[in-house]
PDB file of all heavy atoms in Angstrom:
ATOM      1  N   VAL A   1       0.821  -1.206   0.000  1.00  0.00           N
ATOM      2  CA  VAL A   1       0.000   0.000   0.000  1.00  0.00           C
ATOM      3  C   VAL A   1       0.856   1.258   0.000  1.00  0.00           C
ATOM      4  O   VAL A   1       1.892   1.336   0.667  1.00  0.00           O
ATOM      5  CB  VAL A   1      -0.963   0.001   1.213  1.00  0.00           C
ATOM      6  CG1 VAL A   1      -0.205   0.204   2.536  1.00  0.00           C
ATOM      7  CG2 VAL A   1      -2.036   1.072   1.055  1.00  0.00           C
ATOM      8  N   GLU A   2       0.463   2.214  -0.796  1.00  0.00           N
ATOM      9  CA  GLU A   2       1.054   3.540  -0.829  1.00  0.00           C
ATOM     10  C   GLU A   2      -0.063   4.560  -0.669  1.00  0.00           C
ATOM     11  O   GLU A   2      -1.247   4.232  -0.842  1.00  0.00           O
ATOM     12  CB  GLU A   2       1.809   3.763  -2.143  1.00  0.00           C
ATOM     13  CG  GLU A   2       2.980   2.814  -2.348  1.00  0.00           C
ATOM     14  CD  GLU A   2       3.705   3.056  -3.658  1.00  0.00           C
ATOM     15  OE1 GLU A   2       3.592   4.182  -4.196  1.00  0.00           O
ATOM     16  OE2 GLU A   2       4.368   2.126  -4.150  1.00  0.00           O
ATOM     17  N   VAL A   3       0.313   5.788  -0.379  1.00  0.00           N
ATOM     18  CA  VAL A   3      -0.709   6.782  -0.073  1.00  0.00           C
ATOM     19  C   VAL A   3      -1.615   7.027  -1.273  1.00  0.00           C
ATOM     20  O   VAL A   3      -2.827   7.269  -1.121  1.00  0.00           O
ATOM     21  CB  VAL A   3      -0.071   8.093   0.417  1.00  0.00           C
ATOM     22  CG1 VAL A   3       0.680   8.806  -0.698  1.00  0.00           C
ATOM     23  CG2 VAL A   3      -1.135   9.015   1.017  1.00  0.00           C
ATOM     24  N   TRP A   4      -1.098   6.901  -2.502  1.00  0.00           N
ATOM     25  CA  TRP A   4      -1.962   7.131  -3.661  1.00  0.00           C
ATOM     26  C   TRP A   4      -3.005   6.031  -3.807  1.00  0.00           C
ATOM     27  O   TRP A   4      -4.083   6.262  -4.379  1.00  0.00           O
ATOM     28  CB  TRP A   4      -1.136   7.296  -4.941  1.00  0.00           C
ATOM     29  CG  TRP A   4      -0.493   6.043  -5.470  1.00  0.00           C
ATOM     30  CD1 TRP A   4       0.752   5.581  -5.211  1.00  0.00           C
ATOM     31  CD2 TRP A   4      -1.079   5.118  -6.400  1.00  0.00           C
ATOM     32  NE1 TRP A   4       0.992   4.414  -5.895  1.00  0.00           N
ATOM     33  CE2 TRP A   4      -0.104   4.109  -6.645  1.00  0.00           C
ATOM     34  CE3 TRP A   4      -2.311   5.038  -7.044  1.00  0.00           C
ATOM     35  CZ2 TRP A   4      -0.353   3.034  -7.498  1.00  0.00           C
ATOM     36  CZ3 TRP A   4      -2.553   3.966  -7.899  1.00  0.00           C
ATOM     37  CH2 TRP A   4      -1.585   2.980  -8.116  1.00  0.00           C
ATOM     38  N   HIS A   5      -2.705   4.840  -3.297  1.00  0.00           N
ATOM     39  CA  HIS A   5      -3.715   3.775  -3.282  1.00  0.00           C
ATOM     40  C   HIS A   5      -4.900   4.179  -2.403  1.00  0.00           C
ATOM     41  O   HIS A   5      -6.062   3.943  -2.759  1.00  0.00           O
ATOM     42  CB  HIS A   5      -3.119   2.469  -2.763  1.00  0.00           C
ATOM     43  CG  HIS A   5      -2.095   1.871  -3.655  1.00  0.00           C
ATOM     44  ND1 HIS A   5      -0.951   1.258  -3.174  1.00  0.00           N
ATOM     45  CD2 HIS A   5      -2.023   1.776  -5.011  1.00  0.00           C
ATOM     46  CE1 HIS A   5      -0.231   0.804  -4.181  1.00  0.00           C
ATOM     47  NE2 HIS A   5      -0.854   1.112  -5.307  1.00  0.00           N
ATOM     48  N   VAL A   6      -4.589   4.758  -1.254  1.00  0.00           N
ATOM     49  CA  VAL A   6      -5.655   5.195  -0.344  1.00  0.00           C
ATOM     50  C   VAL A   6      -6.455   6.321  -0.989  1.00  0.00           C
ATOM     51  O   VAL A   6      -7.684   6.363  -0.890  1.00  0.00           O
ATOM     52  CB  VAL A   6      -5.068   5.651   1.001  1.00  0.00           C
ATOM     53  CG1 VAL A   6      -6.192   5.990   1.986  1.00  0.00           C
ATOM     54  CG2 VAL A   6      -4.163   4.569   1.593  1.00  0.00           C
ATOM     55  N   TYR A   7      -5.749   7.250  -1.647  1.00  0.00           N
ATOM     56  CA  TYR A   7      -6.435   8.326  -2.357  1.00  0.00           C
ATOM     57  C   TYR A   7      -7.399   7.755  -3.406  1.00  0.00           C
ATOM     58  O   TYR A   7      -8.559   8.191  -3.518  1.00  0.00           O
ATOM     59  CB  TYR A   7      -5.431   9.239  -3.053  1.00  0.00           C
ATOM     60  CG  TYR A   7      -4.611  10.126  -2.147  1.00  0.00           C
ATOM     61  CD1 TYR A   7      -3.466  10.755  -2.627  1.00  0.00           C
ATOM     62  CD2 TYR A   7      -4.967  10.351  -0.821  1.00  0.00           C
ATOM     63  CE1 TYR A   7      -2.702  11.580  -1.816  1.00  0.00           C
ATOM     64  CE2 TYR A   7      -4.215  11.161  -0.003  1.00  0.00           C
ATOM     65  CZ  TYR A   7      -3.074  11.779  -0.500  1.00  0.00           C
ATOM     66  OH  TYR A   7      -2.321  12.597   0.301  1.00  0.00           O
ATOM     67  N   LEU A   8      -6.922   6.774  -4.182  1.00  0.00           N
ATOM     68  CA  LEU A   8      -7.742   6.191  -5.242  1.00  0.00           C
ATOM     69  C   LEU A   8      -8.956   5.465  -4.662  1.00  0.00           C
ATOM     70  O   LEU A   8     -10.075   5.579  -5.179  1.00  0.00           O
ATOM     71  CB  LEU A   8      -6.902   5.227  -6.075  1.00  0.00           C
ATOM     72  CG  LEU A   8      -7.600   4.572  -7.272  1.00  0.00           C
ATOM     73  CD1 LEU A   8      -8.059   5.633  -8.269  1.00  0.00           C
ATOM     74  CD2 LEU A   8      -6.668   3.564  -7.956  1.00  0.00           C
ATOM     75  N   ALA A   9      -8.741   4.733  -3.571  1.00  0.00           N
ATOM     76  CA  ALA A   9      -9.860   4.019  -2.936  1.00  0.00           C
ATOM     77  C   ALA A   9     -10.896   4.998  -2.393  1.00  0.00           C
ATOM     78  O   ALA A   9     -12.104   4.775  -2.520  1.00  0.00           O
ATOM     79  CB  ALA A   9      -9.338   3.125  -1.809  1.00  0.00           C
ATOM     80  N   ALA A  10     -10.433   6.094  -1.781  1.00  0.00           N
ATOM     81  CA  ALA A  10     -11.354   7.104  -1.261  1.00  0.00           C
ATOM     82  C   ALA A  10     -12.176   7.712  -2.393  1.00  0.00           C
ATOM     83  O   ALA A  10     -13.392   7.921  -2.254  1.00  0.00           O
ATOM     84  CB  ALA A  10     -10.579   8.185  -0.517  1.00  0.00           C
ATOM     85  N   PHE A  11     -11.540   7.986  -3.518  1.00  0.00           N
ATOM     86  CA  PHE A  11     -12.262   8.561  -4.654  1.00  0.00           C
ATOM     87  C   PHE A  11     -13.267   7.570  -5.225  1.00  0.00           C
ATOM     88  O   PHE A  11     -14.388   7.953  -5.606  1.00  0.00           O
ATOM     89  CB  PHE A  11     -11.257   8.983  -5.732  1.00  0.00           C
ATOM     90  CG  PHE A  11     -11.874   9.773  -6.852  1.00  0.00           C
ATOM     91  CD1 PHE A  11     -12.211  11.111  -6.672  1.00  0.00           C
ATOM     92  CD2 PHE A  11     -12.122   9.180  -8.076  1.00  0.00           C
ATOM     93  CE1 PHE A  11     -12.781  11.839  -7.705  1.00  0.00           C
ATOM     94  CE2 PHE A  11     -12.688   9.908  -9.119  1.00  0.00           C
ATOM     95  CZ  PHE A  11     -13.019  11.248  -8.935  1.00  0.00           C
ATOM     96  N   ALA A  12     -12.904   6.285  -5.277  1.00  0.00           N
ATOM     97  CA  ALA A  12     -13.811   5.262  -5.792  1.00  0.00           C
ATOM     98  C   ALA A  12     -15.059   5.129  -4.914  1.00  0.00           C
ATOM     99  O   ALA A  12     -16.190   5.018  -5.418  1.00  0.00           O
ATOM    100  CB  ALA A  12     -13.090   3.915  -5.889  1.00  0.00           C
ATOM    101  N   VAL A  13     -14.864   5.147  -3.602  1.00  0.00           N
ATOM    102  CA  VAL A  13     -16.011   5.109  -2.687  1.00  0.00           C
ATOM    103  C   VAL A  13     -16.883   6.344  -2.894  1.00  0.00           C
ATOM    104  O   VAL A  13     -18.116   6.267  -2.873  1.00  0.00           O
ATOM    105  CB  VAL A  13     -15.527   5.019  -1.225  1.00  0.00           C
ATOM    106  CG1 VAL A  13     -16.687   5.236  -0.257  1.00  0.00           C
ATOM    107  CG2 VAL A  13     -14.877   3.667  -0.965  1.00  0.00           C
ATOM    108  N   GLY A  14     -16.234   7.484  -3.110  1.00  0.00           N
ATOM    109  CA  GLY A  14     -16.992   8.709  -3.357  1.00  0.00           C
ATOM    110  C   GLY A  14     -17.849   8.627  -4.599  1.00  0.00           C
ATOM    111  O   GLY A  14     -18.983   9.120  -4.622  1.00  0.00           O
ATOM    112  N   LEU A  15     -17.333   7.986  -5.656  1.00  0.00           N
ATOM    113  CA  LEU A  15     -18.120   7.825  -6.880  1.00  0.00           C
ATOM    114  C   LEU A  15     -19.370   6.987  -6.632  1.00  0.00           C
ATOM    115  O   LEU A  15     -20.457   7.308  -7.118  1.00  0.00           O
ATOM    116  CB  LEU A  15     -17.264   7.179  -7.963  1.00  0.00           C
ATOM    117  CG  LEU A  15     -16.222   8.074  -8.653  1.00  0.00           C
ATOM    118  CD1 LEU A  15     -15.379   7.243  -9.613  1.00  0.00           C
ATOM    119  CD2 LEU A  15     -16.897   9.223  -9.396  1.00  0.00           C
ATOM    120  N   ALA A  16     -19.209   5.902  -5.887  1.00  0.00           N
ATOM    121  CA  ALA A  16     -20.381   5.074  -5.563  1.00  0.00           C
ATOM    122  C   ALA A  16     -21.376   5.838  -4.700  1.00  0.00           C
ATOM    123  O   ALA A  16     -22.595   5.682  -4.839  1.00  0.00           O
ATOM    124  CB  ALA A  16     -19.933   3.802  -4.849  1.00  0.00           C
ATOM    125  N   THR A  17     -20.859   6.696  -3.833  1.00  0.00           N
ATOM    126  CA  THR A  17     -21.711   7.461  -2.928  1.00  0.00           C
ATOM    127  C   THR A  17     -22.599   8.447  -3.668  1.00  0.00           C
ATOM    128  O   THR A  17     -23.676   8.800  -3.185  1.00  0.00           O
ATOM    129  CB  THR A  17     -20.842   8.204  -1.896  1.00  0.00           C
ATOM    130  OG1 THR A  17     -20.056   7.250  -1.182  1.00  0.00           O
ATOM    131  CG2 THR A  17     -21.694   8.975  -0.897  1.00  0.00           C
ATOM    132  N   VAL A  18     -22.167   8.895  -4.843  1.00  0.00           N
ATOM    133  CA  VAL A  18     -22.953   9.850  -5.630  1.00  0.00           C
ATOM    134  C   VAL A  18     -24.374   9.328  -5.869  1.00  0.00           C
ATOM    135  O   VAL A  18     -25.343  10.087  -5.809  1.00  0.00           O
ATOM    136  CB  VAL A  18     -22.248  10.138  -6.980  1.00  0.00           C
ATOM    137  CG1 VAL A  18     -23.178  10.866  -7.940  1.00  0.00           C
ATOM    138  CG2 VAL A  18     -20.985  10.964  -6.742  1.00  0.00           C
ATOM    139  N   VAL A  19     -24.490   8.033  -6.121  1.00  0.00           N
ATOM    140  CA  VAL A  19     -25.807   7.424  -6.304  1.00  0.00           C
ATOM    141  C   VAL A  19     -26.312   6.815  -4.999  1.00  0.00           C
ATOM    142  O   VAL A  19     -27.501   6.898  -4.677  1.00  0.00           O
ATOM    143  CB  VAL A  19     -25.765   6.352  -7.411  1.00  0.00           C
ATOM    144  CG1 VAL A  19     -27.094   5.615  -7.515  1.00  0.00           C
ATOM    145  CG2 VAL A  19     -25.425   7.002  -8.749  1.00  0.00           C
ATOM    146  N   ASP A  20     -25.422   6.212  -4.220  1.00  0.00           N
ATOM    147  CA  ASP A  20     -25.828   5.489  -3.019  1.00  0.00           C
ATOM    148  C   ASP A  20     -26.508   6.397  -2.002  1.00  0.00           C
ATOM    149  O   ASP A  20     -27.529   6.017  -1.417  1.00  0.00           O
ATOM    150  CB  ASP A  20     -24.600   4.826  -2.382  1.00  0.00           C
ATOM    151  CG  ASP A  20     -24.963   3.961  -1.195  1.00  0.00           C
ATOM    152  OD1 ASP A  20     -25.410   2.817  -1.411  1.00  0.00           O
ATOM    153  OD2 ASP A  20     -24.794   4.427  -0.051  1.00  0.00           O
ATOM    154  N   ASN A  21     -25.961   7.585  -1.789  1.00  0.00           N
ATOM    155  CA  ASN A  21     -26.503   8.441  -0.735  1.00  0.00           C
ATOM    156  C   ASN A  21     -27.921   8.926  -1.016  1.00  0.00           C
ATOM    157  O   ASN A  21     -28.812   8.724  -0.186  1.00  0.00           O
ATOM    158  CB  ASN A  21     -25.562   9.612  -0.472  1.00  0.00           C
ATOM    159  CG  ASN A  21     -25.096   9.639   0.968  1.00  0.00           C
ATOM    160  OD1 ASN A  21     -25.896   9.726   1.881  1.00  0.00           O
ATOM    161  ND2 ASN A  21     -23.801   9.544   1.171  1.00  0.00           N
ATOM    162  N   PRO A  22     -28.188   9.569  -2.151  1.00  0.00           N
ATOM    163  CA  PRO A  22     -29.582   9.967  -2.386  1.00  0.00           C
ATOM    164  C   PRO A  22     -30.517   8.772  -2.515  1.00  0.00           C
ATOM    165  O   PRO A  22     -31.697   8.869  -2.144  1.00  0.00           O
ATOM    166  CB  PRO A  22     -29.507  10.776  -3.689  1.00  0.00           C
ATOM    167  CG  PRO A  22     -28.235  10.383  -4.333  1.00  0.00           C
ATOM    168  CD  PRO A  22     -27.293  10.046  -3.210  1.00  0.00           C
ATOM    169  N   ALA A  23     -30.005   7.637  -3.015  1.00  0.00           N
ATOM    170  CA  ALA A  23     -30.858   6.451  -3.114  1.00  0.00           C
ATOM    171  C   ALA A  23     -31.260   5.957  -1.732  1.00  0.00           C
ATOM    172  O   ALA A  23     -32.427   5.619  -1.489  1.00  0.00           O
ATOM    173  CB  ALA A  23     -30.134   5.348  -3.892  1.00  0.00           C
ATOM    174  N   ARG A  24     -30.299   5.892  -0.797  1.00  0.00           N
ATOM    175  CA  ARG A  24     -30.624   5.451   0.563  1.00  0.00           C
ATOM    176  C   ARG A  24     -31.559   6.443   1.251  1.00  0.00           C
ATOM    177  O   ARG A  24     -32.489   6.046   1.961  1.00  0.00           O
ATOM    178  CB  ARG A  24     -29.348   5.285   1.389  1.00  0.00           C
ATOM    179  CG  ARG A  24     -28.652   3.963   1.157  1.00  0.00           C
ATOM    180  CD  ARG A  24     -27.551   3.701   2.162  1.00  0.00           C
ATOM    181  NE  ARG A  24     -26.455   4.650   2.051  1.00  0.00           N
ATOM    182  CZ  ARG A  24     -26.191   5.609   2.930  1.00  0.00           C
ATOM    183  NH1 ARG A  24     -26.960   5.763   3.990  1.00  0.00           N
ATOM    184  NH2 ARG A  24     -25.163   6.414   2.752  1.00  0.00           N
ATOM    185  N   GLN A  25     -31.299   7.734   1.066  1.00  0.00           N
ATOM    186  CA  GLN A  25     -32.135   8.739   1.719  1.00  0.00           C
ATOM    187  C   GLN A  25     -33.584   8.642   1.243  1.00  0.00           C
ATOM    188  O   GLN A  25     -34.517   8.670   2.041  1.00  0.00           O
ATOM    189  CB  GLN A  25     -31.587  10.138   1.433  1.00  0.00           C
ATOM    190  CG  GLN A  25     -30.181  10.404   1.952  1.00  0.00           C
ATOM    191  CD  GLN A  25     -30.121  10.484   3.458  1.00  0.00           C
ATOM    192  OE1 GLN A  25     -31.094  10.868   4.104  1.00  0.00           O
ATOM    193  NE2 GLN A  25     -28.988  10.129   4.035  1.00  0.00           N
ATOM    194  N   THR A  26     -33.776   8.557  -0.062  1.00  0.00           N
ATOM    195  CA  THR A  26     -35.139   8.550  -0.593  1.00  0.00           C
ATOM    196  C   THR A  26     -35.804   7.183  -0.463  1.00  0.00           C
ATOM    197  O   THR A  26     -37.034   7.096  -0.420  1.00  0.00           O
ATOM    198  CB  THR A  26     -35.133   8.971  -2.077  1.00  0.00           C
ATOM    199  OG1 THR A  26     -34.245   8.114  -2.820  1.00  0.00           O
ATOM    200  CG2 THR A  26     -34.650  10.409  -2.218  1.00  0.00           C
ATOM    201  N   PHE A  27     -35.029   6.108  -0.410  1.00  0.00           N
ATOM    202  CA  PHE A  27     -35.602   4.771  -0.259  1.00  0.00           C
ATOM    203  C   PHE A  27     -36.277   4.607   1.100  1.00  0.00           C
ATOM    204  O   PHE A  27     -37.198   3.796   1.246  1.00  0.00           O
ATOM    205  CB  PHE A  27     -34.515   3.721  -0.447  1.00  0.00           C
ATOM    206  CG  PHE A  27     -35.024   2.310  -0.568  1.00  0.00           C
ATOM    207  CD1 PHE A  27     -36.058   2.002  -1.438  1.00  0.00           C
ATOM    208  CD2 PHE A  27     -34.461   1.286   0.182  1.00  0.00           C
ATOM    209  CE1 PHE A  27     -36.537   0.697  -1.557  1.00  0.00           C
ATOM    210  CE2 PHE A  27     -34.927  -0.014   0.067  1.00  0.00           C
ATOM    211  CZ  PHE A  27     -35.966  -0.308  -0.803  1.00  0.00           C
ATOM    212  N   VAL A  28     -35.842   5.376   2.087  1.00  0.00           N
ATOM    213  CA  VAL A  28     -36.464   5.304   3.407  1.00  0.00           C
ATOM    214  C   VAL A  28     -37.952   5.599   3.312  1.00  0.00           C
ATOM    215  O   VAL A  28     -38.791   4.904   3.899  1.00  0.00           O
ATOM    216  CB  VAL A  28     -35.770   6.276   4.390  1.00  0.00           C
ATOM    217  CG1 VAL A  28     -36.549   6.374   5.699  1.00  0.00           C
ATOM    218  CG2 VAL A  28     -34.349   5.822   4.671  1.00  0.00           C
ATOM    219  N   SER A  29     -38.325   6.640   2.564  1.00  0.00           N
ATOM    220  CA  SER A  29     -39.744   6.984   2.458  1.00  0.00           C
ATOM    221  C   SER A  29     -40.529   5.891   1.749  1.00  0.00           C
ATOM    222  O   SER A  29     -41.710   5.689   2.024  1.00  0.00           O
ATOM    223  CB  SER A  29     -39.906   8.320   1.721  1.00  0.00           C
ATOM    224  OG  SER A  29     -39.451   8.210   0.386  1.00  0.00           O
TER     225      SER A  29
END
């Protein structure tokens, strides 16, 4: 592991969150 690996993983999670977060929020209703 190098620090750029962590940066890349954080960005990848962020990309998934773009859809995941509003989907989870609105799915509650």
